[in-house]
Amino acid sequence: MSRSAFPAALLLILAAGWSPALVRSADAWQDTRLTQAMATMPASTARDLERAIADAQALGLPISPLVDKALEGSAKGVAADQVLLVVRDLVGQLGRARDLVALEGTAPSTDIVAVAEALRRGVPEDAVRSLRSKAPGQSIALSVHTLADLLDRGVPVDHALDVLGAWNARGARPEELRSLPVAVERLIRGGILPAEAAAAVASSVRGGKGIPTDGPPGLTPPGQGKGRKDTGGKGKRKGPPKGRPNGLMSPLPLPPSASPGIG
């Protein structure tokens, strides 16, 4: 299953300006995939799954992640009732995300999916609201993913938001977003504490120097050199905290409590 949280059909529709023909094509594609998932289930469970996805669609929620999960569960041989439980739970996650990002009752599907994934990764709701308030009328899908990447590297949320604030103030070029966590991690691996690494990157971007590609002058790892106090922590930080994800955005996973066989 694709690891992208932004289905190709959805991106195609967005790029084409919501062409009615493409919308009908995408709907037919989703119907076919849903039918495939339902074919592996008992009739009553299949009807419940279909109803859950129809209810989600009526609420304006994106249904592609729901169909993805149903197909994933059926492909892995997970019990049908467990698949249904996970899909219903995911409906709740998407609804929570939609409520955070919706403006005047609507929100882009890509933003809803991205925010639901970011919340799962530990991004606080207040941080999502902050991003939303600073980018009215704009998609925050990429920036909320970058925020999650920064938190994965141990950066405190206020410092992570400051990095994104600096990026936004200097033109908010989407192609630069992926480089921000990379620059922060490079400094962390050099021995800089996560908060200080983020502050250095934010300062460089805000000062017009761009995203640093090496350690900025004067920033010495804790415990090394003179003229700089170690403000916290013991020893060097050599990478992101253990046990937290560190890659590109992946599809919304099944909750661990639902079934150890899907995820």
C-alpha atoms as a PDB file:
ATOM      1  CA  MET A   1       0.000   0.000   0.000  1.00  0.00           C
ATOM      2  CA  SER A   2       1.244   3.484  -0.858  1.00  0.00           C
ATOM      3  CA  ARG A   3       2.886   5.323   2.015  1.00  0.00           C
ATOM      4  CA  SER A   4       1.612   8.664   0.732  1.00  0.00           C
ATOM      5  CA  ALA A   5      -1.134  10.325   2.741  1.00  0.00           C
ATOM      6  CA  PHE A   6      -2.155  12.251  -0.336  1.00  0.00           C
ATOM      7  CA  PRO A   7      -3.734   9.834  -2.841  1.00  0.00           C
ATOM      8  CA  ALA A   8      -2.708  10.351  -6.442  1.00  0.00           C
ATOM      9  CA  ALA A   9      -6.305  10.742  -7.549  1.00  0.00           C
ATOM     10  CA  LEU A  10      -6.883  13.513  -5.012  1.00  0.00           C
ATOM     11  CA  LEU A  11      -3.770  15.399  -6.098  1.00  0.00           C
ATOM     12  CA  LEU A  12      -4.848  15.085  -9.710  1.00  0.00           C
ATOM     13  CA  ILE A  13      -8.239  16.569  -8.855  1.00  0.00           C
ATOM     14  CA  LEU A  14      -6.683  19.436  -6.916  1.00  0.00           C
ATOM     15  CA  ALA A  15      -4.274  20.252  -9.733  1.00  0.00           C
ATOM     16  CA  ALA A  16      -7.072  20.256 -12.275  1.00  0.00           C
ATOM     17  CA  GLY A  17      -9.314  22.574 -10.271  1.00  0.00           C
ATOM     18  CA  TRP A  18     -11.941  20.008  -9.276  1.00  0.00           C
ATOM     19  CA  SER A  19     -13.015  19.018 -12.769  1.00  0.00           C
ATOM     20  CA  PRO A  20     -16.448  17.281 -12.518  1.00  0.00           C
ATOM     21  CA  ALA A  21     -15.248  14.483 -14.801  1.00  0.00           C
ATOM     22  CA  LEU A  22     -12.256  13.831 -12.564  1.00  0.00           C
ATOM     23  CA  VAL A  23     -14.419  13.905  -9.452  1.00  0.00           C
ATOM     24  CA  ARG A  24     -16.701  11.263 -10.954  1.00  0.00           C
ATOM     25  CA  SER A  25     -13.652   9.205 -11.932  1.00  0.00           C
ATOM     26  CA  ALA A  26     -12.215   9.423  -8.416  1.00  0.00           C
ATOM     27  CA  ASP A  27     -15.576   8.486  -6.889  1.00  0.00           C
ATOM     28  CA  ALA A  28     -15.809   5.417  -9.125  1.00  0.00           C
ATOM     29  CA  TRP A  29     -12.254   4.468  -8.187  1.00  0.00           C
ATOM     30  CA  GLN A  30     -13.082   4.712  -4.471  1.00  0.00           C
ATOM     31  CA  ASP A  31     -16.292   2.707  -4.963  1.00  0.00           C
ATOM     32  CA  THR A  32     -14.330  -0.069  -6.650  1.00  0.00           C
ATOM     33  CA  ARG A  33     -11.757  -0.185  -3.856  1.00  0.00           C
ATOM     34  CA  LEU A  34     -14.453  -0.168  -1.173  1.00  0.00           C
ATOM     35  CA  THR A  35     -16.229  -3.034  -2.917  1.00  0.00           C
ATOM     36  CA  GLN A  36     -12.970  -4.995  -2.874  1.00  0.00           C
ATOM     37  CA  ALA A  37     -12.629  -4.506   0.866  1.00  0.00           C
ATOM     38  CA  MET A  38     -16.259  -5.404   1.559  1.00  0.00           C
ATOM     39  CA  ALA A  39     -16.009  -8.581  -0.498  1.00  0.00           C
ATOM     40  CA  THR A  40     -13.839 -10.180   2.201  1.00  0.00           C
ATOM     41  CA  MET A  41     -16.293  -9.438   5.028  1.00  0.00           C
ATOM     42  CA  PRO A  42     -19.500 -10.984   6.298  1.00  0.00           C
ATOM     43  CA  ALA A  43     -22.517  -9.243   4.794  1.00  0.00           C
ATOM     44  CA  SER A  44     -23.563  -7.472   8.009  1.00  0.00           C
ATOM     45  CA  THR A  45     -20.067  -6.129   8.692  1.00  0.00           C
ATOM     46  CA  ALA A  46     -19.700  -5.058   5.074  1.00  0.00           C
ATOM     47  CA  ARG A  47     -22.924  -3.061   5.350  1.00  0.00           C
ATOM     48  CA  ASP A  48     -21.707  -1.433   8.570  1.00  0.00           C
ATOM     49  CA  LEU A  49     -18.430  -0.495   6.881  1.00  0.00           C
ATOM     50  CA  GLU A  50     -20.243   0.977   3.915  1.00  0.00           C
ATOM     51  CA  ARG A  51     -22.495   2.960   6.260  1.00  0.00           C
ATOM     52  CA  ALA A  52     -19.558   4.269   8.300  1.00  0.00           C
ATOM     53  CA  ILE A  53     -17.794   5.514   5.190  1.00  0.00           C
ATOM     54  CA  ALA A  54     -20.991   7.028   3.783  1.00  0.00           C
ATOM     55  CA  ASP A  55     -21.557   8.867   7.072  1.00  0.00           C
ATOM     56  CA  ALA A  56     -17.983  10.183   6.967  1.00  0.00           C
ATOM     57  CA  GLN A  57     -18.471  11.420   3.432  1.00  0.00           C
ATOM     58  CA  ALA A  58     -21.722  13.150   4.438  1.00  0.00           C
ATOM     59  CA  LEU A  59     -19.751  14.991   7.126  1.00  0.00           C
ATOM     60  CA  GLY A  60     -17.316  16.248   4.504  1.00  0.00           C
ATOM     61  CA  LEU A  61     -14.465  13.993   5.620  1.00  0.00           C
ATOM     62  CA  PRO A  62     -12.010  12.467   3.129  1.00  0.00           C
ATOM     63  CA  ILE A  63     -12.831   8.795   2.627  1.00  0.00           C
ATOM     64  CA  SER A  64      -9.650   7.641   0.897  1.00  0.00           C
ATOM     65  CA  PRO A  65      -7.800   6.973   4.213  1.00  0.00           C
ATOM     66  CA  LEU A  66     -10.820   4.974   5.413  1.00  0.00           C
ATOM     67  CA  VAL A  67     -10.915   2.822   2.295  1.00  0.00           C
ATOM     68  CA  ASP A  68      -7.132   2.405   2.522  1.00  0.00           C
ATOM     69  CA  LYS A  69      -7.472   1.048   6.053  1.00  0.00           C
ATOM     70  CA  ALA A  70     -10.269  -1.316   5.115  1.00  0.00           C
ATOM     71  CA  LEU A  71      -8.217  -2.676   2.215  1.00  0.00           C
ATOM     72  CA  GLU A  72      -5.113  -2.965   4.394  1.00  0.00           C
ATOM     73  CA  GLY A  73      -6.981  -4.942   7.010  1.00  0.00           C
ATOM     74  CA  SER A  74      -8.565  -7.299   4.507  1.00  0.00           C
ATOM     75  CA  ALA A  75      -5.222  -7.841   2.762  1.00  0.00           C
ATOM     76  CA  LYS A  76      -3.617  -8.800   6.085  1.00  0.00           C
ATOM     77  CA  GLY A  77      -6.425 -11.135   7.044  1.00  0.00           C
ATOM     78  CA  VAL A  78      -7.503  -9.109  10.078  1.00  0.00           C
ATOM     79  CA  ALA A  79     -10.919  -9.972  11.486  1.00  0.00           C
ATOM     80  CA  ALA A  80     -13.661  -7.943   9.823  1.00  0.00           C
ATOM     81  CA  ASP A  81     -15.036  -6.553  13.088  1.00  0.00           C
ATOM     82  CA  GLN A  82     -11.567  -5.285  14.009  1.00  0.00           C
ATOM     83  CA  VAL A  83     -11.240  -3.575  10.627  1.00  0.00           C
ATOM     84  CA  LEU A  84     -14.600  -1.909  11.165  1.00  0.00           C
ATOM     85  CA  LEU A  85     -13.512  -0.741  14.630  1.00  0.00           C
ATOM     86  CA  VAL A  86     -10.364   0.822  13.211  1.00  0.00           C
ATOM     87  CA  VAL A  87     -12.228   2.552  10.392  1.00  0.00           C
ATOM     88  CA  ARG A  88     -14.704   4.039  12.861  1.00  0.00           C
ATOM     89  CA  ASP A  89     -11.840   5.227  15.065  1.00  0.00           C
ATOM     90  CA  LEU A  90     -10.200   6.827  12.052  1.00  0.00           C
ATOM     91  CA  VAL A  91     -13.442   8.637  11.230  1.00  0.00           C
ATOM     92  CA  GLY A  92     -13.185  10.211  14.678  1.00  0.00           C
ATOM     93  CA  GLN A  93      -9.564  11.236  14.105  1.00  0.00           C
ATOM     94  CA  LEU A  94     -10.399  12.843  10.792  1.00  0.00           C
ATOM     95  CA  GLY A  95     -13.370  14.637  12.320  1.00  0.00           C
ATOM     96  CA  ARG A  96     -11.176  16.029  15.083  1.00  0.00           C
ATOM     97  CA  ALA A  97      -8.681  17.241  12.483  1.00  0.00           C
ATOM     98  CA  ARG A  98     -11.421  18.794  10.355  1.00  0.00           C
ATOM     99  CA  ASP A  99     -12.745  20.734  13.347  1.00  0.00           C
ATOM    100  CA  LEU A 100      -9.272  22.185  13.935  1.00  0.00           C
ATOM    101  CA  VAL A 101      -8.629  23.390  10.399  1.00  0.00           C
ATOM    102  CA  ALA A 102     -12.066  24.081   8.930  1.00  0.00           C
ATOM    103  CA  LEU A 103     -12.769  27.658   7.960  1.00  0.00           C
ATOM    104  CA  GLU A 104     -16.425  28.554   7.481  1.00  0.00           C
ATOM    105  CA  GLY A 105     -17.303  24.877   7.775  1.00  0.00           C
ATOM    106  CA  THR A 106     -14.942  23.585   5.085  1.00  0.00           C
ATOM    107  CA  ALA A 107     -11.335  22.401   4.873  1.00  0.00           C
ATOM    108  CA  PRO A 108      -9.166  20.893   2.122  1.00  0.00           C
ATOM    109  CA  SER A 109      -9.051  17.101   2.280  1.00  0.00           C
ATOM    110  CA  THR A 110      -5.252  17.200   2.210  1.00  0.00           C
ATOM    111  CA  ASP A 111      -5.216  19.405   5.312  1.00  0.00           C
ATOM    112  CA  ILE A 112      -7.631  17.130   7.188  1.00  0.00           C
ATOM    113  CA  VAL A 113      -5.549  14.022   6.453  1.00  0.00           C
ATOM    114  CA  ALA A 114      -2.252  15.759   7.253  1.00  0.00           C
ATOM    115  CA  VAL A 115      -3.520  17.201  10.540  1.00  0.00           C
ATOM    116  CA  ALA A 116      -4.992  13.866  11.633  1.00  0.00           C
ATOM    117  CA  GLU A 117      -1.608  12.258  11.007  1.00  0.00           C
ATOM    118  CA  ALA A 118       0.208  15.078  12.826  1.00  0.00           C
ATOM    119  CA  LEU A 119      -2.060  14.743  15.862  1.00  0.00           C
ATOM    120  CA  ARG A 120      -1.311  11.029  15.924  1.00  0.00           C
ATOM    121  CA  ARG A 121       2.397  11.839  15.921  1.00  0.00           C
ATOM    122  CA  GLY A 122       2.008  14.079  18.962  1.00  0.00           C
ATOM    123  CA  VAL A 123       1.495  17.581  17.561  1.00  0.00           C
ATOM    124  CA  PRO A 124      -0.618  19.515  20.105  1.00  0.00           C
ATOM    125  CA  GLU A 125      -3.970  20.889  18.989  1.00  0.00           C
ATOM    126  CA  ASP A 126      -2.936  24.415  20.008  1.00  0.00           C
ATOM    127  CA  ALA A 127       0.034  24.189  17.646  1.00  0.00           C
ATOM    128  CA  VAL A 128      -2.275  23.234  14.790  1.00  0.00           C
ATOM    129  CA  ARG A 129      -4.516  26.193  15.612  1.00  0.00           C
ATOM    130  CA  SER A 130      -1.466  28.460  15.603  1.00  0.00           C
ATOM    131  CA  LEU A 131      -0.449  27.301  12.134  1.00  0.00           C
ATOM    132  CA  ARG A 132      -4.004  27.686  10.887  1.00  0.00           C
ATOM    133  CA  SER A 133      -4.368  31.226  12.266  1.00  0.00           C
ATOM    134  CA  LYS A 134      -1.139  32.362  10.618  1.00  0.00           C
ATOM    135  CA  ALA A 135      -2.047  30.977   7.197  1.00  0.00           C
ATOM    136  CA  PRO A 136      -5.695  31.893   6.562  1.00  0.00           C
ATOM    137  CA  GLY A 137      -6.922  30.596   3.248  1.00  0.00           C
ATOM    138  CA  GLN A 138      -3.753  28.571   2.684  1.00  0.00           C
ATOM    139  CA  SER A 139      -3.072  24.863   3.001  1.00  0.00           C
ATOM    140  CA  ILE A 140      -1.141  23.844   6.117  1.00  0.00           C
ATOM    141  CA  ALA A 141      -0.674  20.213   5.079  1.00  0.00           C
ATOM    142  CA  LEU A 142       3.068  20.529   4.423  1.00  0.00           C
ATOM    143  CA  SER A 143       3.795  22.852   7.339  1.00  0.00           C
ATOM    144  CA  VAL A 144       2.007  20.669   9.903  1.00  0.00           C
ATOM    145  CA  HIS A 145       3.962  17.676   8.615  1.00  0.00           C
ATOM    146  CA  THR A 146       7.186  19.652   9.033  1.00  0.00           C
ATOM    147  CA  LEU A 147       6.115  20.627  12.543  1.00  0.00           C
ATOM    148  CA  ALA A 148       5.673  16.941  13.398  1.00  0.00           C
ATOM    149  CA  ASP A 149       9.124  16.199  11.959  1.00  0.00           C
ATOM    150  CA  LEU A 150      10.681  18.864  14.174  1.00  0.00           C
ATOM    151  CA  LEU A 151       8.949  17.508  17.276  1.00  0.00           C
ATOM    152  CA  ASP A 152      10.152  14.028  16.349  1.00  0.00           C
ATOM    153  CA  ARG A 153      13.684  15.384  16.649  1.00  0.00           C
ATOM    154  CA  GLY A 154      13.085  16.586  20.197  1.00  0.00           C
ATOM    155  CA  VAL A 155      12.479  20.242  19.383  1.00  0.00           C
ATOM    156  CA  PRO A 156      10.097  21.908  21.880  1.00  0.00           C
ATOM    157  CA  VAL A 157       6.840  22.951  20.247  1.00  0.00           C
ATOM    158  CA  ASP A 158       7.377  26.702  20.733  1.00  0.00           C
ATOM    159  CA  HIS A 159      10.800  26.494  19.090  1.00  0.00           C
ATOM    160  CA  ALA A 160       9.391  24.392  16.259  1.00  0.00           C
ATOM    161  CA  LEU A 161       6.662  26.967  15.646  1.00  0.00           C
ATOM    162  CA  ASP A 162       9.324  29.692  15.651  1.00  0.00           C
ATOM    163  CA  VAL A 163      11.220  27.875  12.896  1.00  0.00           C
ATOM    164  CA  LEU A 164       8.054  27.747  10.807  1.00  0.00           C
ATOM    165  CA  GLY A 165       7.319  31.374  11.656  1.00  0.00           C
ATOM    166  CA  ALA A 166      10.732  32.385  10.334  1.00  0.00           C
ATOM    167  CA  TRP A 167      10.149  30.350   7.182  1.00  0.00           C
ATOM    168  CA  ASN A 168       6.750  31.982   6.713  1.00  0.00           C
ATOM    169  CA  ALA A 169       8.160  35.481   7.231  1.00  0.00           C
ATOM    170  CA  ARG A 170      10.812  34.917   4.574  1.00  0.00           C
ATOM    171  CA  GLY A 171       8.401  33.947   1.803  1.00  0.00           C
ATOM    172  CA  ALA A 172       7.023  30.539   2.826  1.00  0.00           C
ATOM    173  CA  ARG A 173       8.487  28.611  -0.095  1.00  0.00           C
ATOM    174  CA  PRO A 174       7.044  25.058   0.119  1.00  0.00           C
ATOM    175  CA  GLU A 175      10.132  23.467  -1.422  1.00  0.00           C
ATOM    176  CA  GLU A 176      12.175  24.634   1.584  1.00  0.00           C
ATOM    177  CA  LEU A 177      10.059  22.929   4.224  1.00  0.00           C
ATOM    178  CA  ARG A 178      11.719  19.529   3.999  1.00  0.00           C
ATOM    179  CA  SER A 179      15.113  21.160   4.532  1.00  0.00           C
ATOM    180  CA  LEU A 180      14.179  22.683   7.898  1.00  0.00           C
ATOM    181  CA  PRO A 181      14.106  19.455   9.963  1.00  0.00           C
ATOM    182  CA  VAL A 182      17.191  18.248   8.085  1.00  0.00           C
ATOM    183  CA  ALA A 183      19.108  21.387   9.081  1.00  0.00           C
ATOM    184  CA  VAL A 184      17.986  21.049  12.700  1.00  0.00           C
ATOM    185  CA  GLU A 185      18.941  17.379  12.828  1.00  0.00           C
ATOM    186  CA  ARG A 186      22.367  18.136  11.360  1.00  0.00           C
ATOM    187  CA  LEU A 187      23.070  20.489  14.267  1.00  0.00           C
ATOM    188  CA  ILE A 188      21.708  17.987  16.800  1.00  0.00           C
ATOM    189  CA  ARG A 189      24.009  15.309  15.429  1.00  0.00           C
ATOM    190  CA  GLY A 190      26.842  17.778  15.880  1.00  0.00           C
ATOM    191  CA  GLY A 191      26.061  17.985  19.584  1.00  0.00           C
ATOM    192  CA  ILE A 192      23.705  20.966  19.759  1.00  0.00           C
ATOM    193  CA  LEU A 193      20.623  20.657  21.947  1.00  0.00           C
ATOM    194  CA  PRO A 194      17.364  20.463  19.947  1.00  0.00           C
ATOM    195  CA  ALA A 195      15.946  23.780  21.182  1.00  0.00           C
ATOM    196  CA  GLU A 196      19.192  25.606  20.405  1.00  0.00           C
ATOM    197  CA  ALA A 197      19.496  23.910  17.018  1.00  0.00           C
ATOM    198  CA  ALA A 198      15.992  25.069  16.125  1.00  0.00           C
ATOM    199  CA  ALA A 199      16.725  28.589  17.352  1.00  0.00           C
ATOM    200  CA  ALA A 200      19.872  28.709  15.198  1.00  0.00           C
ATOM    201  CA  VAL A 201      17.972  27.619  12.093  1.00  0.00           C
ATOM    202  CA  ALA A 202      15.164  30.100  12.774  1.00  0.00           C
ATOM    203  CA  SER A 203      17.676  32.913  13.280  1.00  0.00           C
ATOM    204  CA  SER A 204      19.495  32.084  10.052  1.00  0.00           C
ATOM    205  CA  VAL A 205      16.284  31.983   8.036  1.00  0.00           C
ATOM    206  CA  ARG A 206      14.840  35.113   9.640  1.00  0.00           C
ATOM    207  CA  GLY A 207      18.120  36.980   9.081  1.00  0.00           C
ATOM    208  CA  GLY A 208      18.032  36.280   5.363  1.00  0.00           C
ATOM    209  CA  LYS A 209      20.937  33.817   5.402  1.00  0.00           C
ATOM    210  CA  GLY A 210      18.761  30.915   4.331  1.00  0.00           C
ATOM    211  CA  ILE A 211      18.630  27.441   5.801  1.00  0.00           C
ATOM    212  CA  PRO A 212      22.076  26.581   7.209  1.00  0.00           C
ATOM    213  CA  THR A 213      23.872  23.649   5.657  1.00  0.00           C
ATOM    214  CA  ASP A 214      26.419  23.310   8.460  1.00  0.00           C
ATOM    215  CA  GLY A 215      26.963  24.459  12.032  1.00  0.00           C
ATOM    216  CA  PRO A 216      26.503  28.233  12.311  1.00  0.00           C
ATOM    217  CA  PRO A 217      29.508  30.252  13.501  1.00  0.00           C
ATOM    218  CA  GLY A 218      29.716  30.638  17.246  1.00  0.00           C
ATOM    219  CA  LEU A 219      27.360  27.793  18.077  1.00  0.00           C
ATOM    220  CA  THR A 220      29.406  25.298  20.047  1.00  0.00           C
ATOM    221  CA  PRO A 221      28.169  21.931  21.265  1.00  0.00           C
ATOM    222  CA  PRO A 222      27.392  21.790  25.011  1.00  0.00           C
ATOM    223  CA  GLY A 223      30.449  21.351  27.185  1.00  0.00           C
ATOM    224  CA  GLN A 224      32.893  22.326  24.431  1.00  0.00           C
ATOM    225  CA  GLY A 225      34.774  25.562  23.955  1.00  0.00           C
ATOM    226  CA  LYS A 226      34.654  28.751  26.014  1.00  0.00           C
ATOM    227  CA  GLY A 227      32.203  31.587  26.226  1.00  0.00           C
ATOM    228  CA  ARG A 228      29.091  29.468  26.032  1.00  0.00           C
ATOM    229  CA  LYS A 229      27.209  27.899  28.875  1.00  0.00           C
ATOM    230  CA  ASP A 230      25.537  24.563  28.637  1.00  0.00           C
ATOM    231  CA  THR A 231      21.876  25.498  29.258  1.00  0.00           C
ATOM    232  CA  GLY A 232      20.548  22.033  29.827  1.00  0.00           C
ATOM    233  CA  GLY A 233      21.013  18.354  29.256  1.00  0.00           C
ATOM    234  CA  LYS A 234      24.008  16.140  29.919  1.00  0.00           C
ATOM    235  CA  GLY A 235      26.402  15.213  27.209  1.00  0.00           C
ATOM    236  CA  LYS A 236      25.733  15.407  23.489  1.00  0.00           C
ATOM    237  CA  ARG A 237      22.574  14.845  21.568  1.00  0.00           C
ATOM    238  CA  LYS A 238      23.452  12.617  18.639  1.00  0.00           C
ATOM    239  CA  GLY A 239      20.106  12.375  16.954  1.00  0.00           C
ATOM    240  CA  PRO A 240      16.362  12.380  17.383  1.00  0.00           C
ATOM    241  CA  PRO A 241      14.847  10.831  20.495  1.00  0.00           C
ATOM    242  CA  LYS A 242      14.597   7.079  20.405  1.00  0.00           C
ATOM    243  CA  GLY A 243      11.261   5.522  19.715  1.00  0.00           C
ATOM    244  CA  ARG A 244       9.814   8.396  17.638  1.00  0.00           C
ATOM    245  CA  PRO A 245       9.291   8.275  13.878  1.00  0.00           C
ATOM    246  CA  ASN A 246      11.783  10.130  11.700  1.00  0.00           C
ATOM    247  CA  GLY A 247      10.663   9.656   8.112  1.00  0.00           C
ATOM    248  CA  LEU A 248       8.261  11.068   5.570  1.00  0.00           C
ATOM    249  CA  MET A 249       4.571  11.181   6.291  1.00  0.00           C
ATOM    250  CA  SER A 250       2.954   7.761   6.128  1.00  0.00           C
ATOM    251  CA  PRO A 251      -0.719   6.834   5.906  1.00  0.00           C
ATOM    252  CA  LEU A 252      -2.724   7.033   9.114  1.00  0.00           C
ATOM    253  CA  PRO A 253      -1.989   3.761  10.945  1.00  0.00           C
ATOM    254  CA  LEU A 254      -4.354   1.573  12.841  1.00  0.00           C
ATOM    255  CA  PRO A 255      -4.357   2.164  16.611  1.00  0.00           C
ATOM    256  CA  PRO A 256      -2.113  -0.392  18.363  1.00  0.00           C
ATOM    257  CA  SER A 257      -5.004  -1.429  20.574  1.00  0.00           C
ATOM    258  CA  ALA A 258      -7.160  -2.442  17.627  1.00  0.00           C
ATOM    259  CA  SER A 259      -5.050  -5.172  16.147  1.00  0.00           C
ATOM    260  CA  PRO A 260      -1.348  -6.009  16.278  1.00  0.00           C
ATOM    261  CA  GLY A 261      -1.608  -7.315  12.722  1.00  0.00           C
ATOM    262  CA  ILE A 262      -2.284  -4.007  11.024  1.00  0.00           C
ATOM    263  CA  GLY A 263      -0.263  -0.824  11.132  1.00  0.00           C
END
